[in-house]
Amino acid sequence: MVGFEGLGKILLIVGAVLVGVGLFFAFSGHIPFIGKLPGDIVIKKGGVSFYFPIVTTLLLSAGLTLTINAIWHFMRK
């Protein structure tokens, strides 16, 4: 069973993640490199366009992984 101290840490982490995601969505249109990296797939035919930001997704995943691992590392000490 998670005590109140553990529950508080979990709530702080969840809150920080939600704030981070909210800031990302709020400012993602203003970040110049998001969605325009080499390797992002853009297909336009006629009136239809398909967009898959694979390189952007990989970089964001690596950044989040490093951030979460750093948080967990410092929480264990």
C-alpha atoms as a PDB file:
ATOM      1  CA  MET A   1       0.000   0.000   0.000  1.00  0.00           C
ATOM      2  CA  VAL A   2       1.277   3.414  -0.914  1.00  0.00           C
ATOM      3  CA  GLY A   3       1.476   5.785   2.044  1.00  0.00           C
ATOM      4  CA  PHE A   4       0.566   9.455   1.929  1.00  0.00           C
ATOM      5  CA  GLU A   5       4.190  10.402   1.297  1.00  0.00           C
ATOM      6  CA  GLY A   6       4.407   8.091  -1.736  1.00  0.00           C
ATOM      7  CA  LEU A   7       1.014   9.232  -2.990  1.00  0.00           C
ATOM      8  CA  GLY A   8       2.151  12.861  -2.787  1.00  0.00           C
ATOM      9  CA  LYS A   9       5.218  12.119  -4.924  1.00  0.00           C
ATOM     10  CA  ILE A  10       3.119  10.295  -7.484  1.00  0.00           C
ATOM     11  CA  LEU A  11       0.636  13.177  -7.693  1.00  0.00           C
ATOM     12  CA  LEU A  12       3.464  15.698  -8.124  1.00  0.00           C
ATOM     13  CA  ILE A  13       4.978  13.675 -10.963  1.00  0.00           C
ATOM     14  CA  VAL A  14       1.629  13.204 -12.711  1.00  0.00           C
ATOM     15  CA  GLY A  15       0.940  16.931 -12.340  1.00  0.00           C
ATOM     16  CA  ALA A  16       4.350  17.864 -13.752  1.00  0.00           C
ATOM     17  CA  VAL A  17       3.835  15.550 -16.715  1.00  0.00           C
ATOM     18  CA  LEU A  18       0.407  17.047 -17.403  1.00  0.00           C
ATOM     19  CA  VAL A  19       1.826  20.576 -17.240  1.00  0.00           C
ATOM     20  CA  GLY A  20       4.626  19.565 -19.617  1.00  0.00           C
ATOM     21  CA  VAL A  21       2.192  18.018 -22.095  1.00  0.00           C
ATOM     22  CA  GLY A  22      -0.065  21.070 -21.863  1.00  0.00           C
ATOM     23  CA  LEU A  23       2.838  23.437 -22.528  1.00  0.00           C
ATOM     24  CA  PHE A  24       3.943  21.321 -25.462  1.00  0.00           C
ATOM     25  CA  PHE A  25       0.495  21.460 -27.060  1.00  0.00           C
ATOM     26  CA  ALA A  26       0.136  25.180 -26.340  1.00  0.00           C
ATOM     27  CA  PHE A  27       3.483  26.138 -27.884  1.00  0.00           C
ATOM     28  CA  SER A  28       4.080  23.364 -30.439  1.00  0.00           C
ATOM     29  CA  GLY A  29       3.035  25.638 -33.295  1.00  0.00           C
ATOM     30  CA  HIS A  30       5.705  28.146 -32.263  1.00  0.00           C
ATOM     31  CA  ILE A  31       8.620  25.696 -31.989  1.00  0.00           C
ATOM     32  CA  PRO A  32      10.415  25.964 -35.341  1.00  0.00           C
ATOM     33  CA  PHE A  33      11.792  22.420 -35.702  1.00  0.00           C
ATOM     34  CA  ILE A  34       8.679  20.453 -34.691  1.00  0.00           C
ATOM     35  CA  GLY A  35       7.432  18.582 -37.736  1.00  0.00           C
ATOM     36  CA  LYS A  36      10.010  19.899 -40.169  1.00  0.00           C
ATOM     37  CA  LEU A  37      12.953  17.600 -39.530  1.00  0.00           C
ATOM     38  CA  PRO A  38      14.590  15.571 -42.286  1.00  0.00           C
ATOM     39  CA  GLY A  39      13.002  12.133 -42.226  1.00  0.00           C
ATOM     40  CA  ASP A  40       9.476  13.311 -41.409  1.00  0.00           C
ATOM     41  CA  ILE A  41       7.158  11.859 -44.040  1.00  0.00           C
ATOM     42  CA  VAL A  42       4.895  14.210 -46.010  1.00  0.00           C
ATOM     43  CA  ILE A  43       2.836  12.923 -48.967  1.00  0.00           C
ATOM     44  CA  LYS A  44       0.598  15.306 -50.915  1.00  0.00           C
ATOM     45  CA  LYS A  45      -1.570  14.023 -53.772  1.00  0.00           C
ATOM     46  CA  GLY A  46      -4.428  16.011 -55.140  1.00  0.00           C
ATOM     47  CA  GLY A  47      -6.476  17.460 -52.299  1.00  0.00           C
ATOM     48  CA  VAL A  48      -5.236  14.921 -49.742  1.00  0.00           C
ATOM     49  CA  SER A  49      -2.122  15.158 -47.635  1.00  0.00           C
ATOM     50  CA  PHE A  50      -0.596  12.608 -45.266  1.00  0.00           C
ATOM     51  CA  TYR A  51       1.895  13.617 -42.605  1.00  0.00           C
ATOM     52  CA  PHE A  52       3.875  11.312 -40.289  1.00  0.00           C
ATOM     53  CA  PRO A  53       6.552  13.016 -38.150  1.00  0.00           C
ATOM     54  CA  ILE A  54       8.659   9.901 -37.488  1.00  0.00           C
ATOM     55  CA  VAL A  55      11.982  11.654 -36.700  1.00  0.00           C
ATOM     56  CA  THR A  56      10.266  14.256 -34.529  1.00  0.00           C
ATOM     57  CA  THR A  57       8.507  11.458 -32.650  1.00  0.00           C
ATOM     58  CA  LEU A  58      11.775   9.577 -32.098  1.00  0.00           C
ATOM     59  CA  LEU A  59      13.515  12.690 -30.751  1.00  0.00           C
ATOM     60  CA  LEU A  60      10.624  13.530 -28.420  1.00  0.00           C
ATOM     61  CA  SER A  61      10.566   9.933 -27.186  1.00  0.00           C
ATOM     62  CA  ALA A  62      14.296  10.004 -26.450  1.00  0.00           C
ATOM     63  CA  GLY A  63      13.968  13.331 -24.630  1.00  0.00           C
ATOM     64  CA  LEU A  64      11.062  12.131 -22.512  1.00  0.00           C
ATOM     65  CA  THR A  65      12.873   8.884 -21.713  1.00  0.00           C
ATOM     66  CA  LEU A  66      15.936  10.771 -20.490  1.00  0.00           C
ATOM     67  CA  THR A  67      13.803  13.172 -18.452  1.00  0.00           C
ATOM     68  CA  ILE A  68      11.762  10.413 -16.800  1.00  0.00           C
ATOM     69  CA  ASN A  69      14.883   8.370 -16.028  1.00  0.00           C
ATOM     70  CA  ALA A  70      16.513  11.422 -14.431  1.00  0.00           C
ATOM     71  CA  ILE A  71      13.421  12.029 -12.280  1.00  0.00           C
ATOM     72  CA  TRP A  72      13.338   8.390 -11.156  1.00  0.00           C
ATOM     73  CA  HIS A  73      17.069   8.436 -10.433  1.00  0.00           C
ATOM     74  CA  PHE A  74      16.770  11.445  -8.130  1.00  0.00           C
ATOM     75  CA  MET A  75      13.617  10.118  -6.433  1.00  0.00           C
ATOM     76  CA  ARG A  76      15.419   6.921  -5.375  1.00  0.00           C
ATOM     77  CA  LYS A  77      18.128   8.834  -3.505  1.00  0.00           C
END
